[in-house]
PDB file of N, CA and C in Angstrom:
ATOM      1  N   UNK A   1     -21.107 -74.245 102.806  1.00  0.00           N
ATOM      2  CA  UNK A   1     -20.052 -75.174 103.132  1.00  0.00           C
ATOM      3  C   UNK A   1     -20.691 -76.359 103.856  1.00  0.00           C
ATOM      4  N   UNK A   2     -20.374 -77.542 103.425  1.00  0.00           N
ATOM      5  CA  UNK A   2     -20.889 -78.746 104.066  1.00  0.00           C
ATOM      6  C   UNK A   2     -19.709 -79.483 104.684  1.00  0.00           C
ATOM      7  N   UNK A   3     -19.823 -79.766 105.970  1.00  0.00           N
ATOM      8  CA  UNK A   3     -18.766 -80.479 106.686  1.00  0.00           C
ATOM      9  C   UNK A   3     -19.207 -81.904 106.937  1.00  0.00           C
ATOM     10  N   UNK A   4     -18.341 -82.848 106.636  1.00  0.00           N
ATOM     11  CA  UNK A   4     -18.618 -84.242 106.955  1.00  0.00           C
ATOM     12  C   UNK A   4     -18.087 -84.549 108.342  1.00  0.00           C
ATOM     13  N   UNK A   5     -17.587 -85.733 108.489  1.00  0.00           N
ATOM     14  CA  UNK A   5     -17.039 -86.110 109.782  1.00  0.00           C
ATOM     15  C   UNK A   5     -15.863 -85.221 110.133  1.00  0.00           C
ATOM     16  N   UNK A   6     -15.710 -84.943 111.413  1.00  0.00           N
ATOM     17  CA  UNK A   6     -14.682 -84.019 111.871  1.00  0.00           C
ATOM     18  C   UNK A   6     -13.702 -84.694 112.779  1.00  0.00           C
ATOM     19  N   UNK A   7     -12.864 -83.966 113.387  1.00  0.00           N
ATOM     20  CA  UNK A   7     -12.917 -82.516 113.564  1.00  0.00           C
ATOM     21  C   UNK A   7     -12.550 -81.771 112.283  1.00  0.00           C
ATOM     22  N   UNK A   8     -13.022 -80.544 112.200  1.00  0.00           N
ATOM     23  CA  UNK A   8     -12.764 -79.682 111.055  1.00  0.00           C
ATOM     24  C   UNK A   8     -12.379 -78.295 111.549  1.00  0.00           C
ATOM     25  N   UNK A   9     -11.471 -77.668 110.808  1.00  0.00           N
ATOM     26  CA  UNK A   9     -11.094 -76.281 111.076  1.00  0.00           C
ATOM     27  C   UNK A   9     -11.378 -75.466 109.829  1.00  0.00           C
ATOM     28  N   UNK A  10     -11.804 -74.233 110.050  1.00  0.00           N
ATOM     29  CA  UNK A  10     -12.159 -73.321 108.969  1.00  0.00           C
ATOM     30  C   UNK A  10     -11.314 -72.065 109.109  1.00  0.00           C
ATOM     31  N   UNK A  11     -10.660 -71.642 108.033  1.00  0.00           N
ATOM     32  CA  UNK A  11      -9.850 -70.428 108.071  1.00  0.00           C
ATOM     33  C   UNK A  11      -8.938 -70.309 106.875  1.00  0.00           C
ATOM     34  N   UNK A  12      -8.061 -69.322 106.888  1.00  0.00           N
ATOM     35  CA  UNK A  12      -7.156 -69.055 105.766  1.00  0.00           C
ATOM     36  C   UNK A  12      -6.126 -70.166 105.571  1.00  0.00           C
ATOM     37  N   UNK A  13      -5.668 -70.787 106.641  1.00  0.00           N
ATOM     38  CA  UNK A  13      -4.554 -71.711 106.531  1.00  0.00           C
ATOM     39  C   UNK A  13      -4.933 -73.174 106.629  1.00  0.00           C
ATOM     40  N   UNK A  14      -6.184 -73.531 106.312  1.00  0.00           N
ATOM     41  CA  UNK A  14      -6.615 -74.926 106.452  1.00  0.00           C
ATOM     42  C   UNK A  14      -7.374 -75.366 105.208  1.00  0.00           C
ATOM     43  N   UNK A  15      -7.789 -76.626 105.188  1.00  0.00           N
ATOM     44  CA  UNK A  15      -8.466 -77.222 104.041  1.00  0.00           C
ATOM     45  C   UNK A  15      -9.833 -76.640 103.735  1.00  0.00           C
ATOM     46  N   UNK A  16     -10.470 -75.990 104.701  1.00  0.00           N
ATOM     47  CA  UNK A  16     -11.758 -75.328 104.479  1.00  0.00           C
ATOM     48  C   UNK A  16     -11.524 -73.828 104.614  1.00  0.00           C
ATOM     49  N   UNK A  17     -11.069 -73.195 103.522  1.00  0.00           N
ATOM     50  CA  UNK A  17     -10.616 -71.812 103.613  1.00  0.00           C
ATOM     51  C   UNK A  17     -11.734 -70.782 103.662  1.00  0.00           C
ATOM     52  N   UNK A  18     -11.428 -69.678 104.299  1.00  0.00           N
ATOM     53  CA  UNK A  18     -12.247 -68.472 104.298  1.00  0.00           C
ATOM     54  C   UNK A  18     -11.473 -67.460 103.470  1.00  0.00           C
ATOM     55  N   UNK A  19     -12.037 -67.040 102.370  1.00  0.00           N
ATOM     56  CA  UNK A  19     -11.364 -66.088 101.488  1.00  0.00           C
ATOM     57  C   UNK A  19     -11.807 -64.668 101.831  1.00  0.00           C
ATOM     58  N   UNK A  20     -11.333 -64.199 102.967  1.00  0.00           N
ATOM     59  CA  UNK A  20     -11.689 -62.865 103.417  1.00  0.00           C
ATOM     60  C   UNK A  20     -10.431 -62.207 103.963  1.00  0.00           C
ATOM     61  N   UNK A  21     -10.129 -61.026 103.470  1.00  0.00           N
ATOM     62  CA  UNK A  21      -8.917 -60.334 103.893  1.00  0.00           C
ATOM     63  C   UNK A  21      -8.889 -60.173 105.408  1.00  0.00           C
ATOM     64  N   UNK A  22      -7.776 -60.549 106.002  1.00  0.00           N
ATOM     65  CA  UNK A  22      -7.602 -60.417 107.441  1.00  0.00           C
ATOM     66  C   UNK A  22      -8.150 -61.572 108.251  1.00  0.00           C
ATOM     67  N   UNK A  23      -8.704 -62.582 107.585  1.00  0.00           N
ATOM     68  CA  UNK A  23      -9.229 -63.740 108.317  1.00  0.00           C
ATOM     69  C   UNK A  23      -8.078 -64.485 108.999  1.00  0.00           C
ATOM     70  N   UNK A  24      -8.309 -64.993 110.205  1.00  0.00           N
ATOM     71  CA  UNK A  24      -7.271 -65.750 110.911  1.00  0.00           C
ATOM     72  C   UNK A  24      -6.908 -67.043 110.178  1.00  0.00           C
ATOM     73  N   UNK A  25      -5.730 -67.567 110.469  1.00  0.00           N
ATOM     74  CA  UNK A  25      -5.343 -68.852 109.885  1.00  0.00           C
ATOM     75  C   UNK A  25      -6.358 -69.931 110.236  1.00  0.00           C
ATOM     76  N   UNK A  26      -6.833 -69.945 111.485  1.00  0.00           N
ATOM     77  CA  UNK A  26      -7.935 -70.823 111.891  1.00  0.00           C
ATOM     78  C   UNK A  26      -9.005 -69.933 112.511  1.00  0.00           C
ATOM     79  N   UNK A  27     -10.110 -69.760 111.796  1.00  0.00           N
ATOM     80  CA  UNK A  27     -11.214 -68.938 112.306  1.00  0.00           C
ATOM     81  C   UNK A  27     -11.938 -69.660 113.432  1.00  0.00           C
ATOM     82  N   UNK A  28     -12.295 -70.930 113.171  1.00  0.00           N
ATOM     83  CA  UNK A  28     -12.966 -71.728 114.190  1.00  0.00           C
ATOM     84  C   UNK A  28     -12.804 -73.199 113.873  1.00  0.00           C
ATOM     85  N   UNK A  29     -13.067 -74.018 114.875  1.00  0.00           N
ATOM     86  CA  UNK A  29     -13.017 -75.468 114.721  1.00  0.00           C
ATOM     87  C   UNK A  29     -14.322 -76.067 115.213  1.00  0.00           C
ATOM     88  N   UNK A  30     -14.650 -77.210 114.637  1.00  0.00           N
ATOM     89  CA  UNK A  30     -15.828 -77.965 115.054  1.00  0.00           C
ATOM     90  C   UNK A  30     -15.374 -79.390 115.321  1.00  0.00           C
ATOM     91  N   UNK A  31     -15.781 -79.919 116.458  1.00  0.00           N
ATOM     92  CA  UNK A  31     -15.443 -81.299 116.798  1.00  0.00           C
ATOM     93  C   UNK A  31     -16.599 -81.914 117.585  1.00  0.00           C
ATOM     94  N   UNK A  32     -16.591 -83.221 117.671  1.00  0.00           N
ATOM     95  CA  UNK A  32     -17.642 -83.895 118.443  1.00  0.00           C
ATOM     96  C   UNK A  32     -17.029 -84.537 119.685  1.00  0.00           C
ATOM     97  N   UNK A  33     -17.861 -84.614 120.718  1.00  0.00           N
ATOM     98  CA  UNK A  33     -17.444 -85.224 121.968  1.00  0.00           C
ATOM     99  C   UNK A  33     -18.698 -85.679 122.698  1.00  0.00           C
ATOM    100  N   UNK A  34     -18.705 -86.906 123.124  1.00  0.00           N
ATOM    101  CA  UNK A  34     -19.827 -87.463 123.891  1.00  0.00           C
ATOM    102  C   UNK A  34     -21.165 -87.252 123.179  1.00  0.00           C
ATOM    103  N   UNK A  35     -21.161 -87.418 121.844  1.00  0.00           N
ATOM    104  CA  UNK A  35     -22.398 -87.326 121.085  1.00  0.00           C
ATOM    105  C   UNK A  35     -22.877 -85.907 120.808  1.00  0.00           C
ATOM    106  N   UNK A  36     -22.079 -84.898 121.132  1.00  0.00           N
ATOM    107  CA  UNK A  36     -22.451 -83.503 120.880  1.00  0.00           C
ATOM    108  C   UNK A  36     -21.425 -82.863 119.960  1.00  0.00           C
ATOM    109  N   UNK A  37     -21.849 -81.811 119.281  1.00  0.00           N
ATOM    110  CA  UNK A  37     -20.968 -81.090 118.382  1.00  0.00           C
ATOM    111  C   UNK A  37     -20.578 -79.776 119.056  1.00  0.00           C
ATOM    112  N   UNK A  38     -19.270 -79.493 119.062  1.00  0.00           N
ATOM    113  CA  UNK A  38     -18.739 -78.313 119.732  1.00  0.00           C
ATOM    114  C   UNK A  38     -18.096 -77.350 118.747  1.00  0.00           C
ATOM    115  N   UNK A  39     -18.288 -76.062 119.005  1.00  0.00           N
ATOM    116  CA  UNK A  39     -17.651 -74.964 118.294  1.00  0.00           C
ATOM    117  C   UNK A  39     -16.558 -74.419 119.197  1.00  0.00           C
ATOM    118  N   UNK A  40     -15.419 -74.056 118.616  1.00  0.00           N
ATOM    119  CA  UNK A  40     -14.385 -73.385 119.411  1.00  0.00           C
ATOM    120  C   UNK A  40     -13.601 -72.419 118.517  1.00  0.00           C
ATOM    121  N   UNK A  41     -13.125 -71.339 119.132  1.00  0.00           N
ATOM    122  CA  UNK A  41     -12.312 -70.354 118.432  1.00  0.00           C
ATOM    123  C   UNK A  41     -11.352 -69.694 119.415  1.00  0.00           C
ATOM    124  N   UNK A  42     -10.226 -69.281 118.909  1.00  0.00           N
ATOM    125  CA  UNK A  42      -9.278 -68.471 119.673  1.00  0.00           C
ATOM    126  C   UNK A  42      -9.405 -67.008 119.258  1.00  0.00           C
ATOM    127  N   UNK A  43     -10.324 -66.718 118.327  1.00  0.00           N
ATOM    128  CA  UNK A  43     -10.444 -65.393 117.724  1.00  0.00           C
ATOM    129  C   UNK A  43     -11.793 -64.762 118.028  1.00  0.00           C
ATOM    130  N   UNK A  44     -12.098 -64.593 119.296  1.00  0.00           N
ATOM    131  CA  UNK A  44     -13.401 -64.055 119.698  1.00  0.00           C
ATOM    132  C   UNK A  44     -13.588 -62.597 119.293  1.00  0.00           C
ATOM    133  N   UNK A  45     -12.518 -61.941 118.875  1.00  0.00           N
ATOM    134  CA  UNK A  45     -12.644 -60.565 118.384  1.00  0.00           C
ATOM    135  C   UNK A  45     -13.125 -60.517 116.934  1.00  0.00           C
ATOM    136  N   UNK A  46     -12.990 -61.629 116.200  1.00  0.00           N
ATOM    137  CA  UNK A  46     -13.368 -61.675 114.786  1.00  0.00           C
ATOM    138  C   UNK A  46     -14.452 -62.696 114.483  1.00  0.00           C
ATOM    139  N   UNK A  47     -14.618 -63.675 115.360  1.00  0.00           N
ATOM    140  CA  UNK A  47     -15.570 -64.764 115.130  1.00  0.00           C
ATOM    141  C   UNK A  47     -16.556 -64.803 116.297  1.00  0.00           C
ATOM    142  N   UNK A  48     -17.847 -64.710 115.974  1.00  0.00           N
ATOM    143  CA  UNK A  48     -18.895 -64.705 116.992  1.00  0.00           C
ATOM    144  C   UNK A  48     -19.812 -65.901 116.806  1.00  0.00           C
ATOM    145  N   UNK A  49     -20.342 -66.390 117.906  1.00  0.00           N
ATOM    146  CA  UNK A  49     -21.365 -67.434 117.883  1.00  0.00           C
ATOM    147  C   UNK A  49     -22.648 -66.812 118.399  1.00  0.00           C
ATOM    148  N   UNK A  50     -23.660 -66.770 117.558  1.00  0.00           N
ATOM    149  CA  UNK A  50     -24.948 -66.149 117.905  1.00  0.00           C
ATOM    150  C   UNK A  50     -24.783 -64.702 118.372  1.00  0.00           C
ATOM    151  N   UNK A  51     -23.871 -63.990 117.701  1.00  0.00           N
ATOM    152  CA  UNK A  51     -23.669 -62.581 117.987  1.00  0.00           C
ATOM    153  C   UNK A  51     -22.830 -62.275 119.209  1.00  0.00           C
ATOM    154  N   UNK A  52     -22.251 -63.309 119.827  1.00  0.00           N
ATOM    155  CA  UNK A  52     -21.469 -63.115 121.057  1.00  0.00           C
ATOM    156  C   UNK A  52     -20.066 -63.699 120.906  1.00  0.00           C
ATOM    157  N   UNK A  53     -19.085 -63.090 121.568  1.00  0.00           N
ATOM    158  CA  UNK A  53     -17.738 -63.649 121.555  1.00  0.00           C
ATOM    159  C   UNK A  53     -17.664 -64.853 122.500  1.00  0.00           C
ATOM    160  N   UNK A  54     -17.665 -66.042 121.930  1.00  0.00           N
ATOM    161  CA  UNK A  54     -17.683 -67.286 122.703  1.00  0.00           C
ATOM    162  C   UNK A  54     -16.468 -68.112 122.319  1.00  0.00           C
ATOM    163  N   UNK A  55     -15.688 -68.500 123.305  1.00  0.00           N
ATOM    164  CA  UNK A  55     -14.496 -69.306 123.037  1.00  0.00           C
ATOM    165  C   UNK A  55     -14.858 -70.746 122.672  1.00  0.00           C
ATOM    166  N   UNK A  56     -15.849 -71.325 123.366  1.00  0.00           N
ATOM    167  CA  UNK A  56     -16.253 -72.704 123.097  1.00  0.00           C
ATOM    168  C   UNK A  56     -17.669 -72.924 123.612  1.00  0.00           C
ATOM    169  N   UNK A  57     -18.461 -73.686 122.847  1.00  0.00           N
ATOM    170  CA  UNK A  57     -19.826 -73.997 123.268  1.00  0.00           C
ATOM    171  C   UNK A  57     -20.356 -75.145 122.419  1.00  0.00           C
ATOM    172  N   UNK A  58     -21.423 -75.753 122.894  1.00  0.00           N
ATOM    173  CA  UNK A  58     -22.123 -76.764 122.117  1.00  0.00           C
ATOM    174  C   UNK A  58     -22.765 -76.068 120.925  1.00  0.00           C
ATOM    175  N   UNK A  59     -22.632 -76.656 119.751  1.00  0.00           N
ATOM    176  CA  UNK A  59     -23.212 -76.094 118.541  1.00  0.00           C
ATOM    177  C   UNK A  59     -24.560 -76.748 118.287  1.00  0.00           C
ATOM    178  N   UNK A  60     -25.560 -75.919 118.033  1.00  0.00           N
ATOM    179  CA  UNK A  60     -26.915 -76.404 117.796  1.00  0.00           C
ATOM    180  C   UNK A  60     -27.378 -75.974 116.414  1.00  0.00           C
ATOM    181  N   UNK A  61     -28.278 -76.745 115.841  1.00  0.00           N
ATOM    182  CA  UNK A  61     -28.822 -76.348 114.550  1.00  0.00           C
ATOM    183  C   UNK A  61     -29.514 -74.996 114.698  1.00  0.00           C
ATOM    184  N   UNK A  62     -29.390 -74.158 113.707  1.00  0.00           N
ATOM    185  CA  UNK A  62     -29.904 -72.790 113.660  1.00  0.00           C
ATOM    186  C   UNK A  62     -29.035 -71.791 114.411  1.00  0.00           C
ATOM    187  N   UNK A  63     -27.909 -72.207 115.003  1.00  0.00           N
ATOM    188  CA  UNK A  63     -26.951 -71.247 115.534  1.00  0.00           C
ATOM    189  C   UNK A  63     -26.364 -70.460 114.361  1.00  0.00           C
ATOM    190  N   UNK A  64     -25.782 -69.314 114.666  1.00  0.00           N
ATOM    191  CA  UNK A  64     -25.163 -68.479 113.645  1.00  0.00           C
ATOM    192  C   UNK A  64     -23.701 -68.251 114.003  1.00  0.00           C
ATOM    193  N   UNK A  65     -22.820 -68.532 113.049  1.00  0.00           N
ATOM    194  CA  UNK A  65     -21.398 -68.243 113.194  1.00  0.00           C
ATOM    195  C   UNK A  65     -21.103 -67.044 112.315  1.00  0.00           C
ATOM    196  N   UNK A  66     -20.507 -65.998 112.900  1.00  0.00           N
ATOM    197  CA  UNK A  66     -20.187 -64.780 112.154  1.00  0.00           C
ATOM    198  C   UNK A  66     -18.683 -64.587 112.113  1.00  0.00           C
ATOM    199  N   UNK A  67     -18.172 -64.349 110.920  1.00  0.00           N
ATOM    200  CA  UNK A  67     -16.770 -63.992 110.741  1.00  0.00           C
ATOM    201  C   UNK A  67     -16.757 -62.594 110.152  1.00  0.00           C
ATOM    202  N   UNK A  68     -16.197 -61.633 110.880  1.00  0.00           N
ATOM    203  CA  UNK A  68     -16.209 -60.231 110.458  1.00  0.00           C
ATOM    204  C   UNK A  68     -17.637 -59.756 110.156  1.00  0.00           C
ATOM    205  N   UNK A  69     -18.583 -60.102 111.004  1.00  0.00           N
ATOM    206  CA  UNK A  69     -19.985 -59.665 110.893  1.00  0.00           C
ATOM    207  C   UNK A  69     -20.701 -60.223 109.667  1.00  0.00           C
ATOM    208  N   UNK A  70     -20.170 -61.283 109.059  1.00  0.00           N
ATOM    209  CA  UNK A  70     -20.861 -61.979 107.970  1.00  0.00           C
ATOM    210  C   UNK A  70     -21.430 -63.283 108.527  1.00  0.00           C
ATOM    211  N   UNK A  71     -22.743 -63.324 108.792  1.00  0.00           N
ATOM    212  CA  UNK A  71     -23.325 -64.499 109.458  1.00  0.00           C
ATOM    213  C   UNK A  71     -23.559 -65.678 108.517  1.00  0.00           C
ATOM    214  N   UNK A  72     -23.378 -66.872 109.053  1.00  0.00           N
ATOM    215  CA  UNK A  72     -23.700 -68.130 108.379  1.00  0.00           C
ATOM    216  C   UNK A  72     -24.511 -68.976 109.344  1.00  0.00           C
ATOM    217  N   UNK A  73     -25.660 -69.423 108.905  1.00  0.00           N
ATOM    218  CA  UNK A  73     -26.526 -70.244 109.746  1.00  0.00           C
ATOM    219  C   UNK A  73     -26.041 -71.682 109.732  1.00  0.00           C
ATOM    220  N   UNK A  74     -26.070 -72.333 110.898  1.00  0.00           N
ATOM    221  CA  UNK A  74     -25.638 -73.711 111.057  1.00  0.00           C
ATOM    222  C   UNK A  74     -26.850 -74.627 110.941  1.00  0.00           C
ATOM    223  N   UNK A  75     -26.685 -75.690 110.201  1.00  0.00           N
ATOM    224  CA  UNK A  75     -27.758 -76.672 110.082  1.00  0.00           C
ATOM    225  C   UNK A  75     -27.121 -78.061 110.046  1.00  0.00           C
ATOM    226  N   UNK A  76     -27.681 -78.980 110.811  1.00  0.00           N
ATOM    227  CA  UNK A  76     -27.186 -80.358 110.798  1.00  0.00           C
ATOM    228  C   UNK A  76     -28.239 -81.287 111.335  1.00  0.00           C
ATOM    229  N   UNK A  77     -28.034 -82.557 111.104  1.00  0.00           N
ATOM    230  CA  UNK A  77     -28.943 -83.574 111.633  1.00  0.00           C
ATOM    231  C   UNK A  77     -28.447 -84.006 112.997  1.00  0.00           C
ATOM    232  N   UNK A  78     -29.299 -83.891 113.987  1.00  0.00           N
ATOM    233  CA  UNK A  78     -28.892 -84.236 115.351  1.00  0.00           C
ATOM    234  C   UNK A  78     -29.194 -85.685 115.644  1.00  0.00           C
TER     235      UNK A  78
END
């Protein structure tokens, strides 16, 4: 999945869908602020950042976002 300018939300009920049974309507969101890219989720029981339940944090290249233990590596130009 390639995301352009944001903010962007990923999940069952948004334009960037996750086709996984039981996935939340919004799995996670990505937005920028003060020149940094941020990850946020309300679903820390289903969505992990680098293997940990994190509500919000700065997103860095090579971070891993996991939805139901299915990891996806993050890559972007900083």
